[in-house]
Amino acid sequence: MTLGTILLIVLILMLIGGLPTWPHSKNWGYYPSAGFGTVLIVVIILMVLGRI
């Protein structure tokens, strides 16, 4: 596995974990998952461009 693939898998897991589906995170809104999603998009773009 390359570093980019591992980073992509970790970011996807963080995105899923940041979704407000559990009772303790209902008040957070979508802020954590939106931040992780933005980072995920940047990493995917960098992988497509061959920078990672």
N, C-alpha and C. Protein backbone atom coordinates (compact mmCIF):
# COMPACT_ATOMS: atom_id res chain seq x y z
N MET A 1 0.84 -1.18 0.00
CA MET A 1 0.00 0.00 0.00
C MET A 1 0.89 1.25 0.00
N THR A 2 0.44 2.22 -0.73
CA THR A 2 1.19 3.46 -0.74
C THR A 2 0.70 4.37 0.37
N LEU A 3 1.45 5.40 0.61
CA LEU A 3 1.08 6.36 1.65
C LEU A 3 -0.24 7.04 1.33
N GLY A 4 -0.48 7.33 0.06
CA GLY A 4 -1.73 7.97 -0.34
C GLY A 4 -2.94 7.10 -0.07
N THR A 5 -2.82 5.81 -0.31
CA THR A 5 -3.94 4.90 -0.07
C THR A 5 -4.24 4.79 1.42
N ILE A 6 -3.22 4.69 2.22
CA ILE A 6 -3.42 4.63 3.67
C ILE A 6 -4.05 5.91 4.18
N LEU A 7 -3.57 7.05 3.69
CA LEU A 7 -4.12 8.35 4.09
C LEU A 7 -5.57 8.46 3.67
N LEU A 8 -5.90 7.98 2.50
CA LEU A 8 -7.28 8.03 2.02
C LEU A 8 -8.20 7.18 2.89
N ILE A 9 -7.77 5.98 3.25
CA ILE A 9 -8.57 5.10 4.11
C ILE A 9 -8.78 5.73 5.48
N VAL A 10 -7.74 6.30 6.05
CA VAL A 10 -7.86 6.94 7.37
C VAL A 10 -8.82 8.12 7.31
N LEU A 11 -8.74 8.93 6.27
CA LEU A 11 -9.63 10.08 6.15
C LEU A 11 -11.08 9.66 5.95
N ILE A 12 -11.32 8.60 5.21
CA ILE A 12 -12.69 8.11 5.03
C ILE A 12 -13.26 7.62 6.36
N LEU A 13 -12.45 6.92 7.13
CA LEU A 13 -12.91 6.47 8.45
C LEU A 13 -13.18 7.65 9.38
N MET A 14 -12.36 8.69 9.32
CA MET A 14 -12.59 9.88 10.13
C MET A 14 -13.86 10.59 9.70
N LEU A 15 -14.13 10.61 8.39
CA LEU A 15 -15.35 11.23 7.88
C LEU A 15 -16.59 10.51 8.38
N ILE A 16 -16.56 9.18 8.35
CA ILE A 16 -17.69 8.39 8.85
C ILE A 16 -17.84 8.58 10.36
N GLY A 17 -16.73 8.62 11.07
CA GLY A 17 -16.79 8.81 12.52
C GLY A 17 -17.26 10.19 12.94
N GLY A 18 -17.11 11.17 12.05
CA GLY A 18 -17.53 12.54 12.37
C GLY A 18 -18.98 12.84 12.10
N LEU A 19 -19.70 11.91 11.49
CA LEU A 19 -21.12 12.13 11.21
C LEU A 19 -21.91 12.16 12.52
N PRO A 20 -22.88 13.07 12.62
CA PRO A 20 -23.64 13.22 13.87
C PRO A 20 -24.75 12.18 14.01
N THR A 21 -24.38 10.93 14.17
CA THR A 21 -25.41 9.89 14.30
C THR A 21 -25.52 9.34 15.70
N TRP A 22 -24.54 9.60 16.54
CA TRP A 22 -24.57 9.09 17.90
C TRP A 22 -25.09 10.18 18.83
N PRO A 23 -25.73 9.80 19.94
CA PRO A 23 -26.35 10.80 20.83
C PRO A 23 -25.38 11.87 21.35
N HIS A 24 -24.14 11.50 21.61
CA HIS A 24 -23.23 12.49 22.17
C HIS A 24 -22.77 13.51 21.13
N SER A 25 -22.99 13.26 19.84
CA SER A 25 -22.51 14.19 18.82
C SER A 25 -23.64 14.88 18.06
N LYS A 26 -24.86 14.76 18.52
CA LYS A 26 -25.98 15.40 17.82
C LYS A 26 -25.87 16.92 17.84
N ASN A 27 -25.32 17.50 18.89
CA ASN A 27 -25.24 18.95 19.00
C ASN A 27 -24.10 19.53 18.18
N TRP A 28 -23.20 18.70 17.67
CA TRP A 28 -22.06 19.20 16.90
C TRP A 28 -22.49 19.68 15.52
N GLY A 29 -23.55 19.13 14.98
CA GLY A 29 -23.96 19.45 13.62
C GLY A 29 -23.06 18.72 12.63
N TYR A 30 -22.88 19.31 11.47
CA TYR A 30 -22.08 18.67 10.43
C TYR A 30 -20.67 19.25 10.34
N TYR A 31 -20.25 20.03 11.33
CA TYR A 31 -18.93 20.67 11.27
C TYR A 31 -17.78 19.67 11.21
N PRO A 32 -17.73 18.63 12.04
CA PRO A 32 -16.60 17.70 11.95
C PRO A 32 -16.54 16.95 10.62
N SER A 33 -17.68 16.48 10.14
CA SER A 33 -17.67 15.73 8.89
C SER A 33 -17.40 16.64 7.70
N ALA A 34 -17.81 17.89 7.77
CA ALA A 34 -17.52 18.83 6.68
C ALA A 34 -16.02 19.12 6.61
N GLY A 35 -15.39 19.25 7.75
CA GLY A 35 -13.94 19.48 7.77
C GLY A 35 -13.18 18.29 7.23
N PHE A 36 -13.55 17.09 7.66
CA PHE A 36 -12.91 15.88 7.17
C PHE A 36 -13.19 15.68 5.68
N GLY A 37 -14.39 16.03 5.25
CA GLY A 37 -14.73 15.90 3.83
C GLY A 37 -13.90 16.82 2.97
N THR A 38 -13.66 18.04 3.46
CA THR A 38 -12.82 18.98 2.71
C THR A 38 -11.40 18.46 2.59
N VAL A 39 -10.86 17.94 3.67
CA VAL A 39 -9.52 17.36 3.64
C VAL A 39 -9.48 16.16 2.71
N LEU A 40 -10.53 15.35 2.72
CA LEU A 40 -10.61 14.18 1.86
C LEU A 40 -10.61 14.58 0.38
N ILE A 41 -11.33 15.61 0.04
CA ILE A 41 -11.37 16.09 -1.34
C ILE A 41 -9.99 16.59 -1.77
N VAL A 42 -9.31 17.32 -0.90
CA VAL A 42 -7.97 17.81 -1.22
C VAL A 42 -7.01 16.65 -1.44
N VAL A 43 -7.07 15.63 -0.60
CA VAL A 43 -6.19 14.48 -0.75
C VAL A 43 -6.49 13.72 -2.04
N ILE A 44 -7.76 13.57 -2.39
CA ILE A 44 -8.12 12.90 -3.64
C ILE A 44 -7.59 13.69 -4.83
N ILE A 45 -7.72 15.00 -4.81
CA ILE A 45 -7.20 15.83 -5.90
C ILE A 45 -5.69 15.69 -6.00
N LEU A 46 -5.01 15.69 -4.88
CA LEU A 46 -3.55 15.53 -4.90
C LEU A 46 -3.14 14.16 -5.42
N MET A 47 -3.92 13.13 -5.09
CA MET A 47 -3.62 11.79 -5.60
C MET A 47 -3.83 11.73 -7.11
N VAL A 48 -4.88 12.36 -7.61
CA VAL A 48 -5.14 12.36 -9.04
C VAL A 48 -4.04 13.12 -9.79
N LEU A 49 -3.55 14.20 -9.20
CA LEU A 49 -2.50 14.98 -9.84
C LEU A 49 -1.12 14.33 -9.68
N GLY A 50 -1.03 13.30 -8.86
CA GLY A 50 0.22 12.60 -8.69
C GLY A 50 1.18 13.24 -7.70
N ARG A 51 0.68 14.08 -6.82
CA ARG A 51 1.52 14.75 -5.83
C ARG A 51 1.76 13.89 -4.60
N ILE A 52 0.88 12.91 -4.36
CA ILE A 52 1.05 12.03 -3.20
C ILE A 52 1.35 10.64 -3.72
